[in-house]
Amino acid sequence: MAAAMIKAGQFSQTQWAQALGAALKDAEAAGAPDTDEVYYLAALIALEGLSADNGVGSDEQAERKSAWEEAYRRTPHGAPVQLGEA
């Protein structure tokens, strides 16, 4: 997701690295273990923060998250997830 957003010009590689690094540092400071789940959550926090910096508010982020959750729930296993009606 971050690579696609960088390619689309939403933010730079440097901004991504700084945001992800800060989220990982915060997780470490909070005593979080070094796991894939913690890394994933840090990446999500970084993406949400960069999206907010680009004018995507928390309500819009919640709507997008809900739309993606609905899309992956209705997508057959192994098929690409697509937003919108199946």
PDB file of N, CA and C in Angstrom:
ATOM      1  N   MET A   1       0.827  -1.180   0.000  1.00  0.00           N
ATOM      2  CA  MET A   1       0.000   0.000   0.000  1.00  0.00           C
ATOM      3  C   MET A   1       0.876   1.250   0.000  1.00  0.00           C
ATOM      4  N   ALA A   2       1.899   1.255   0.849  1.00  0.00           N
ATOM      5  CA  ALA A   2       2.776   2.426   0.911  1.00  0.00           C
ATOM      6  C   ALA A   2       3.470   2.659  -0.418  1.00  0.00           C
ATOM      7  N   ALA A   3       3.940   1.581  -1.055  1.00  0.00           N
ATOM      8  CA  ALA A   3       4.622   1.732  -2.347  1.00  0.00           C
ATOM      9  C   ALA A   3       3.689   2.337  -3.387  1.00  0.00           C
ATOM     10  N   ALA A   4       2.435   1.905  -3.399  1.00  0.00           N
ATOM     11  CA  ALA A   4       1.466   2.449  -4.358  1.00  0.00           C
ATOM     12  C   ALA A   4       1.197   3.923  -4.071  1.00  0.00           C
ATOM     13  N   MET A   5       1.136   4.285  -2.798  1.00  0.00           N
ATOM     14  CA  MET A   5       0.876   5.676  -2.453  1.00  0.00           C
ATOM     15  C   MET A   5       2.080   6.559  -2.767  1.00  0.00           C
ATOM     16  N   ILE A   6       3.269   6.029  -2.580  1.00  0.00           N
ATOM     17  CA  ILE A   6       4.477   6.776  -2.962  1.00  0.00           C
ATOM     18  C   ILE A   6       4.484   6.989  -4.469  1.00  0.00           C
ATOM     19  N   LYS A   7       4.204   5.928  -5.222  1.00  0.00           N
ATOM     20  CA  LYS A   7       4.185   6.009  -6.691  1.00  0.00           C
ATOM     21  C   LYS A   7       3.134   7.006  -7.176  1.00  0.00           C
ATOM     22  N   ALA A   8       2.013   7.088  -6.444  1.00  0.00           N
ATOM     23  CA  ALA A   8       0.942   8.014  -6.823  1.00  0.00           C
ATOM     24  C   ALA A   8       1.227   9.445  -6.379  1.00  0.00           C
ATOM     25  N   GLY A   9       2.336   9.642  -5.663  1.00  0.00           N
ATOM     26  CA  GLY A   9       2.702  10.994  -5.235  1.00  0.00           C
ATOM     27  C   GLY A   9       2.000  11.469  -3.984  1.00  0.00           C
ATOM     28  N   GLN A  10       1.409  10.555  -3.226  1.00  0.00           N
ATOM     29  CA  GLN A  10       0.713  10.947  -2.001  1.00  0.00           C
ATOM     30  C   GLN A  10       1.688  11.387  -0.915  1.00  0.00           C
ATOM     31  N   PHE A  11       2.870  10.750  -0.896  1.00  0.00           N
ATOM     32  CA  PHE A  11       3.942  11.130   0.011  1.00  0.00           C
ATOM     33  C   PHE A  11       5.234  10.551  -0.532  1.00  0.00           C
ATOM     34  N   SER A  12       6.347  11.009   0.005  1.00  0.00           N
ATOM     35  CA  SER A  12       7.652  10.576  -0.499  1.00  0.00           C
ATOM     36  C   SER A  12       8.164   9.355   0.265  1.00  0.00           C
ATOM     37  N   GLN A  13       9.200   8.723  -0.288  1.00  0.00           N
ATOM     38  CA  GLN A  13       9.834   7.601   0.404  1.00  0.00           C
ATOM     39  C   GLN A  13      10.400   8.052   1.744  1.00  0.00           C
ATOM     40  N   THR A  14      10.943   9.245   1.768  1.00  0.00           N
ATOM     41  CA  THR A  14      11.501   9.783   3.006  1.00  0.00           C
ATOM     42  C   THR A  14      10.405   9.977   4.054  1.00  0.00           C
ATOM     43  N   GLN A  15       9.275  10.534   3.648  1.00  0.00           N
ATOM     44  CA  GLN A  15       8.166  10.719   4.587  1.00  0.00           C
ATOM     45  C   GLN A  15       7.685   9.366   5.124  1.00  0.00           C
ATOM     46  N   TRP A  16       7.599   8.365   4.245  1.00  0.00           N
ATOM     47  CA  TRP A  16       7.180   7.028   4.662  1.00  0.00           C
ATOM     48  C   TRP A  16       8.172   6.448   5.676  1.00  0.00           C
ATOM     49  N   ALA A  17       9.458   6.534   5.353  1.00  0.00           N
ATOM     50  CA  ALA A  17      10.478   5.979   6.245  1.00  0.00           C
ATOM     51  C   ALA A  17      10.426   6.663   7.615  1.00  0.00           C
ATOM     52  N   GLN A  18      10.257   7.971   7.629  1.00  0.00           N
ATOM     53  CA  GLN A  18      10.199   8.705   8.890  1.00  0.00           C
ATOM     54  C   GLN A  18       8.951   8.329   9.692  1.00  0.00           C
ATOM     55  N   ALA A  19       7.808   8.231   9.028  1.00  0.00           N
ATOM     56  CA  ALA A  19       6.565   7.900   9.721  1.00  0.00           C
ATOM     57  C   ALA A  19       6.601   6.469  10.268  1.00  0.00           C
ATOM     58  N   LEU A  20       7.081   5.533   9.462  1.00  0.00           N
ATOM     59  CA  LEU A  20       7.173   4.147   9.916  1.00  0.00           C
ATOM     60  C   LEU A  20       8.185   4.021  11.051  1.00  0.00           C
ATOM     61  N   GLY A  21       9.324   4.672  10.907  1.00  0.00           N
ATOM     62  CA  GLY A  21      10.331   4.638  11.957  1.00  0.00           C
ATOM     63  C   GLY A  21       9.804   5.190  13.271  1.00  0.00           C
ATOM     64  N   ALA A  22       9.058   6.279  13.209  1.00  0.00           N
ATOM     65  CA  ALA A  22       8.495   6.874  14.421  1.00  0.00           C
ATOM     66  C   ALA A  22       7.468   5.943  15.061  1.00  0.00           C
ATOM     67  N   ALA A  23       6.640   5.308  14.242  1.00  0.00           N
ATOM     68  CA  ALA A  23       5.634   4.388  14.780  1.00  0.00           C
ATOM     69  C   ALA A  23       6.291   3.173  15.414  1.00  0.00           C
ATOM     70  N   LEU A  24       7.350   2.664  14.802  1.00  0.00           N
ATOM     71  CA  LEU A  24       8.068   1.524  15.376  1.00  0.00           C
ATOM     72  C   LEU A  24       8.777   1.916  16.667  1.00  0.00           C
ATOM     73  N   LYS A  25       9.328   3.110  16.690  1.00  0.00           N
ATOM     74  CA  LYS A  25       9.999   3.595  17.908  1.00  0.00           C
ATOM     75  C   LYS A  25       8.987   3.753  19.041  1.00  0.00           C
ATOM     76  N   ASP A  26       7.798   4.263  18.727  1.00  0.00           N
ATOM     77  CA  ASP A  26       6.748   4.399  19.734  1.00  0.00           C
ATOM     78  C   ASP A  26       6.329   3.030  20.274  1.00  0.00           C
ATOM     79  N   ALA A  27       6.206   2.055  19.378  1.00  0.00           N
ATOM     80  CA  ALA A  27       5.832   0.699  19.796  1.00  0.00           C
ATOM     81  C   ALA A  27       6.898   0.113  20.719  1.00  0.00           C
ATOM     82  N   GLU A  28       8.150   0.304  20.351  1.00  0.00           N
ATOM     83  CA  GLU A  28       9.253  -0.204  21.172  1.00  0.00           C
ATOM     84  C   GLU A  28       9.247   0.462  22.539  1.00  0.00           C
ATOM     85  N   ALA A  29       9.044   1.778  22.560  1.00  0.00           N
ATOM     86  CA  ALA A  29       9.031   2.513  23.827  1.00  0.00           C
ATOM     87  C   ALA A  29       7.880   2.055  24.726  1.00  0.00           C
ATOM     88  N   ALA A  30       6.799   1.593  24.103  1.00  0.00           N
ATOM     89  CA  ALA A  30       5.650   1.106  24.865  1.00  0.00           C
ATOM     90  C   ALA A  30       5.830  -0.341  25.311  1.00  0.00           C
ATOM     91  N   GLY A  31       6.971  -0.947  24.939  1.00  0.00           N
ATOM     92  CA  GLY A  31       7.248  -2.317  25.356  1.00  0.00           C
ATOM     93  C   GLY A  31       6.684  -3.381  24.448  1.00  0.00           C
ATOM     94  N   ALA A  32       6.258  -2.993  23.240  1.00  0.00           N
ATOM     95  CA  ALA A  32       5.698  -3.975  22.307  1.00  0.00           C
ATOM     96  C   ALA A  32       6.792  -4.932  21.844  1.00  0.00           C
ATOM     97  N   PRO A  33       6.450  -6.202  21.670  1.00  0.00           N
ATOM     98  CA  PRO A  33       7.449  -7.167  21.203  1.00  0.00           C
ATOM     99  C   PRO A  33       7.776  -6.949  19.727  1.00  0.00           C
ATOM    100  N   ASP A  34       8.883  -7.502  19.294  1.00  0.00           N
ATOM    101  CA  ASP A  34       9.299  -7.400  17.892  1.00  0.00           C
ATOM    102  C   ASP A  34       8.633  -8.525  17.108  1.00  0.00           C
ATOM    103  N   THR A  35       7.387  -8.274  16.684  1.00  0.00           N
ATOM    104  CA  THR A  35       6.620  -9.288  15.962  1.00  0.00           C
ATOM    105  C   THR A  35       6.065  -8.712  14.668  1.00  0.00           C
ATOM    106  N   ASP A  36       5.610  -9.590  13.794  1.00  0.00           N
ATOM    107  CA  ASP A  36       4.981  -9.151  12.548  1.00  0.00           C
ATOM    108  C   ASP A  36       3.738  -8.318  12.828  1.00  0.00           C
ATOM    109  N   GLU A  37       2.977  -8.701  13.845  1.00  0.00           N
ATOM    110  CA  GLU A  37       1.760  -7.965  14.178  1.00  0.00           C
ATOM    111  C   GLU A  37       2.075  -6.534  14.601  1.00  0.00           C
ATOM    112  N   VAL A  38       3.107  -6.364  15.411  1.00  0.00           N
ATOM    113  CA  VAL A  38       3.496  -5.020  15.853  1.00  0.00           C
ATOM    114  C   VAL A  38       3.973  -4.198  14.656  1.00  0.00           C
ATOM    115  N   TYR A  39       4.742  -4.823  13.747  1.00  0.00           N
ATOM    116  CA  TYR A  39       5.208  -4.123  12.546  1.00  0.00           C
ATOM    117  C   TYR A  39       4.009  -3.709  11.689  1.00  0.00           C
ATOM    118  N   TYR A  40       3.063  -4.624  11.502  1.00  0.00           N
ATOM    119  CA  TYR A  40       1.867  -4.320  10.709  1.00  0.00           C
ATOM    120  C   TYR A  40       1.109  -3.140  11.310  1.00  0.00           C
ATOM    121  N   LEU A  41       0.902  -3.165  12.614  1.00  0.00           N
ATOM    122  CA  LEU A  41       0.180  -2.076  13.269  1.00  0.00           C
ATOM    123  C   LEU A  41       0.936  -0.751  13.157  1.00  0.00           C
ATOM    124  N   ALA A  42       2.265  -0.804  13.249  1.00  0.00           N
ATOM    125  CA  ALA A  42       3.068   0.410  13.078  1.00  0.00           C
ATOM    126  C   ALA A  42       2.920   0.945  11.656  1.00  0.00           C
ATOM    127  N   ALA A  43       2.920   0.042  10.675  1.00  0.00           N
ATOM    128  CA  ALA A  43       2.737   0.470   9.282  1.00  0.00           C
ATOM    129  C   ALA A  43       1.361   1.096   9.093  1.00  0.00           C
ATOM    130  N   LEU A  44       0.350   0.503   9.714  1.00  0.00           N
ATOM    131  CA  LEU A  44      -1.001   1.059   9.625  1.00  0.00           C
ATOM    132  C   LEU A  44      -1.061   2.444  10.249  1.00  0.00           C
ATOM    133  N   ILE A  45      -0.460   2.599  11.416  1.00  0.00           N
ATOM    134  CA  ILE A  45      -0.420   3.909  12.080  1.00  0.00           C
ATOM    135  C   ILE A  45       0.282   4.935  11.194  1.00  0.00           C
ATOM    136  N   ALA A  46       1.394   4.536  10.585  1.00  0.00           N
ATOM    137  CA  ALA A  46       2.142   5.448   9.705  1.00  0.00           C
ATOM    138  C   ALA A  46       1.295   5.842   8.497  1.00  0.00           C
ATOM    139  N   LEU A  47       0.636   4.869   7.874  1.00  0.00           N
ATOM    140  CA  LEU A  47      -0.218   5.174   6.714  1.00  0.00           C
ATOM    141  C   LEU A  47      -1.375   6.087   7.095  1.00  0.00           C
ATOM    142  N   GLU A  48      -2.002   5.808   8.221  1.00  0.00           N
ATOM    143  CA  GLU A  48      -3.116   6.654   8.658  1.00  0.00           C
ATOM    144  C   GLU A  48      -2.645   8.073   8.954  1.00  0.00           C
ATOM    145  N   GLY A  49      -1.479   8.193   9.561  1.00  0.00           N
ATOM    146  CA  GLY A  49      -0.945   9.521   9.849  1.00  0.00           C
ATOM    147  C   GLY A  49      -0.619  10.297   8.592  1.00  0.00           C
ATOM    148  N   LEU A  50       0.014   9.625   7.626  1.00  0.00           N
ATOM    149  CA  LEU A  50       0.339  10.297   6.372  1.00  0.00           C
ATOM    150  C   LEU A  50      -0.918  10.652   5.589  1.00  0.00           C
ATOM    151  N   SER A  51      -1.939   9.801   5.673  1.00  0.00           N
ATOM    152  CA  SER A  51      -3.213  10.103   5.007  1.00  0.00           C
ATOM    153  C   SER A  51      -3.857  11.332   5.639  1.00  0.00           C
ATOM    154  N   ALA A  52      -3.801  11.403   6.970  1.00  0.00           N
ATOM    155  CA  ALA A  52      -4.362  12.564   7.660  1.00  0.00           C
ATOM    156  C   ALA A  52      -3.609  13.833   7.255  1.00  0.00           C
ATOM    157  N   ASP A  53      -2.288  13.713   7.092  1.00  0.00           N
ATOM    158  CA  ASP A  53      -1.485  14.857   6.652  1.00  0.00           C
ATOM    159  C   ASP A  53      -1.895  15.320   5.261  1.00  0.00           C
ATOM    160  N   ASN A  54      -2.463  14.403   4.464  1.00  0.00           N
ATOM    161  CA  ASN A  54      -2.905  14.725   3.109  1.00  0.00           C
ATOM    162  C   ASN A  54      -4.390  15.076   3.061  1.00  0.00           C
ATOM    163  N   GLY A  55      -4.991  15.350   4.214  1.00  0.00           N
ATOM    164  CA  GLY A  55      -6.364  15.834   4.247  1.00  0.00           C
ATOM    165  C   GLY A  55      -7.435  14.770   4.366  1.00  0.00           C
ATOM    166  N   VAL A  56      -7.071  13.523   4.615  1.00  0.00           N
ATOM    167  CA  VAL A  56      -8.064  12.469   4.799  1.00  0.00           C
ATOM    168  C   VAL A  56      -8.391  12.401   6.287  1.00  0.00           C
ATOM    169  N   GLY A  57      -9.596  12.825   6.635  1.00  0.00           N
ATOM    170  CA  GLY A  57      -9.985  12.881   8.035  1.00  0.00           C
ATOM    171  C   GLY A  57     -10.304  11.515   8.622  1.00  0.00           C
ATOM    172  N   SER A  58     -10.453  11.477   9.934  1.00  0.00           N
ATOM    173  CA  SER A  58     -10.695  10.208  10.623  1.00  0.00           C
ATOM    174  C   SER A  58     -12.023   9.583  10.220  1.00  0.00           C
ATOM    175  N   ASP A  59     -13.051  10.391   9.950  1.00  0.00           N
ATOM    176  CA  ASP A  59     -14.328   9.831   9.506  1.00  0.00           C
ATOM    177  C   ASP A  59     -14.186   9.158   8.146  1.00  0.00           C
ATOM    178  N   GLU A  60     -13.479   9.818   7.234  1.00  0.00           N
ATOM    179  CA  GLU A  60     -13.262   9.246   5.909  1.00  0.00           C
ATOM    180  C   GLU A  60     -12.403   7.984   6.000  1.00  0.00           C
ATOM    181  N   GLN A  61     -11.390   7.995   6.873  1.00  0.00           N
ATOM    182  CA  GLN A  61     -10.568   6.798   7.062  1.00  0.00           C
ATOM    183  C   GLN A  61     -11.418   5.645   7.573  1.00  0.00           C
ATOM    184  N   ALA A  62     -12.328   5.910   8.510  1.00  0.00           N
ATOM    185  CA  ALA A  62     -13.205   4.871   9.052  1.00  0.00           C
ATOM    186  C   ALA A  62     -14.119   4.319   7.962  1.00  0.00           C
ATOM    187  N   GLU A  63     -14.640   5.194   7.105  1.00  0.00           N
ATOM    188  CA  GLU A  63     -15.497   4.742   6.000  1.00  0.00           C
ATOM    189  C   GLU A  63     -14.725   3.861   5.024  1.00  0.00           C
ATOM    190  N   ARG A  64     -13.501   4.258   4.696  1.00  0.00           N
ATOM    191  CA  ARG A  64     -12.673   3.468   3.788  1.00  0.00           C
ATOM    192  C   ARG A  64     -12.338   2.105   4.395  1.00  0.00           C
ATOM    193  N   LYS A  65     -12.010   2.102   5.680  1.00  0.00           N
ATOM    194  CA  LYS A  65     -11.689   0.839   6.350  1.00  0.00           C
ATOM    195  C   LYS A  65     -12.896  -0.092   6.314  1.00  0.00           C
ATOM    196  N   SER A  66     -14.069   0.451   6.599  1.00  0.00           N
ATOM    197  CA  SER A  66     -15.285  -0.345   6.577  1.00  0.00           C
ATOM    198  C   SER A  66     -15.557  -0.907   5.173  1.00  0.00           C
ATOM    199  N   ALA A  67     -15.345  -0.088   4.152  1.00  0.00           N
ATOM    200  CA  ALA A  67     -15.555  -0.550   2.769  1.00  0.00           C
ATOM    201  C   ALA A  67     -14.593  -1.680   2.413  1.00  0.00           C
ATOM    202  N   TRP A  68     -13.332  -1.559   2.830  1.00  0.00           N
ATOM    203  CA  TRP A  68     -12.352  -2.619   2.557  1.00  0.00           C
ATOM    204  C   TRP A  68     -12.700  -3.892   3.324  1.00  0.00           C
ATOM    205  N   GLU A  69     -13.131  -3.756   4.578  1.00  0.00           N
ATOM    206  CA  GLU A  69     -13.506  -4.932   5.353  1.00  0.00           C
ATOM    207  C   GLU A  69     -14.658  -5.678   4.686  1.00  0.00           C
ATOM    208  N   GLU A  70     -15.656  -4.938   4.235  1.00  0.00           N
ATOM    209  CA  GLU A  70     -16.785  -5.556   3.533  1.00  0.00           C
ATOM    210  C   GLU A  70     -16.308  -6.234   2.248  1.00  0.00           C
ATOM    211  N   ALA A  71     -15.416  -5.581   1.528  1.00  0.00           N
ATOM    212  CA  ALA A  71     -14.919  -6.148   0.270  1.00  0.00           C
ATOM    213  C   ALA A  71     -14.158  -7.446   0.503  1.00  0.00           C
ATOM    214  N   TYR A  72     -13.287  -7.488   1.509  1.00  0.00           N
ATOM    215  CA  TYR A  72     -12.531  -8.731   1.685  1.00  0.00           C
ATOM    216  C   TYR A  72     -13.391  -9.831   2.273  1.00  0.00           C
ATOM    217  N   ARG A  73     -14.447  -9.486   2.988  1.00  0.00           N
ATOM    218  CA  ARG A  73     -15.354 -10.520   3.516  1.00  0.00           C
ATOM    219  C   ARG A  73     -16.147 -11.194   2.395  1.00  0.00           C
ATOM    220  N   ARG A  74     -16.480 -10.454   1.352  1.00  0.00           N
ATOM    221  CA  ARG A  74     -17.275 -11.047   0.274  1.00  0.00           C
ATOM    222  C   ARG A  74     -16.415 -11.635  -0.850  1.00  0.00           C
ATOM    223  N   THR A  75     -15.091 -11.466  -0.754  1.00  0.00           N
ATOM    224  CA  THR A  75     -14.196 -11.953  -1.808  1.00  0.00           C
ATOM    225  C   THR A  75     -13.838 -13.417  -1.564  1.00  0.00           C
ATOM    226  N   PRO A  76     -14.022 -14.264  -2.577  1.00  0.00           N
ATOM    227  CA  PRO A  76     -13.633 -15.667  -2.421  1.00  0.00           C
ATOM    228  C   PRO A  76     -12.131 -15.790  -2.166  1.00  0.00           C
ATOM    229  N   HIS A  77     -11.763 -16.801  -1.386  1.00  0.00           N
ATOM    230  CA  HIS A  77     -10.361 -17.038  -1.069  1.00  0.00           C
ATOM    231  C   HIS A  77      -9.529 -17.133  -2.348  1.00  0.00           C
ATOM    232  N   GLY A  78      -8.426 -16.412  -2.374  1.00  0.00           N
ATOM    233  CA  GLY A  78      -7.508 -16.447  -3.508  1.00  0.00           C
ATOM    234  C   GLY A  78      -7.817 -15.439  -4.598  1.00  0.00           C
ATOM    235  N   ALA A  79      -8.983 -14.832  -4.542  1.00  0.00           N
ATOM    236  CA  ALA A  79      -9.362 -13.832  -5.557  1.00  0.00           C
ATOM    237  C   ALA A  79      -8.884 -12.455  -5.086  1.00  0.00           C
ATOM    238  N   PRO A  80      -8.605 -11.560  -6.023  1.00  0.00           N
ATOM    239  CA  PRO A  80      -8.204 -10.204  -5.617  1.00  0.00           C
ATOM    240  C   PRO A  80      -9.383  -9.454  -4.994  1.00  0.00           C
ATOM    241  N   VAL A  81      -9.093  -8.701  -3.951  1.00  0.00           N
ATOM    242  CA  VAL A  81     -10.118  -7.909  -3.281  1.00  0.00           C
ATOM    243  C   VAL A  81     -10.363  -6.659  -4.119  1.00  0.00           C
ATOM    244  N   GLN A  82     -11.653  -6.369  -4.345  1.00  0.00           N
ATOM    245  CA  GLN A  82     -12.022  -5.185  -5.108  1.00  0.00           C
ATOM    246  C   GLN A  82     -13.116  -4.437  -4.367  1.00  0.00           C
ATOM    247  N   LEU A  83     -12.974  -3.128  -4.303  1.00  0.00           N
ATOM    248  CA  LEU A  83     -14.022  -2.314  -3.703  1.00  0.00           C
ATOM    249  C   LEU A  83     -15.222  -2.263  -4.644  1.00  0.00           C
ATOM    250  N   GLY A  84     -16.386  -1.982  -4.113  1.00  0.00           N
ATOM    251  CA  GLY A  84     -17.587  -1.903  -4.925  1.00  0.00           C
ATOM    252  C   GLY A  84     -18.329  -3.222  -4.903  1.00  0.00           C
ATOM    253  N   GLU A  85     -19.406  -3.269  -5.627  1.00  0.00           N
ATOM    254  CA  GLU A  85     -20.228  -4.487  -5.670  1.00  0.00           C
ATOM    255  C   GLU A  85     -19.516  -5.597  -6.397  1.00  0.00           C
ATOM    256  N   ALA A  86     -19.662  -6.808  -5.863  1.00  0.00           N
ATOM    257  CA  ALA A  86     -19.037  -8.003  -6.469  1.00  0.00           C
ATOM    258  C   ALA A  86     -19.759  -8.397  -7.736  1.00  0.00           C
TER     259      ALA A  86
END
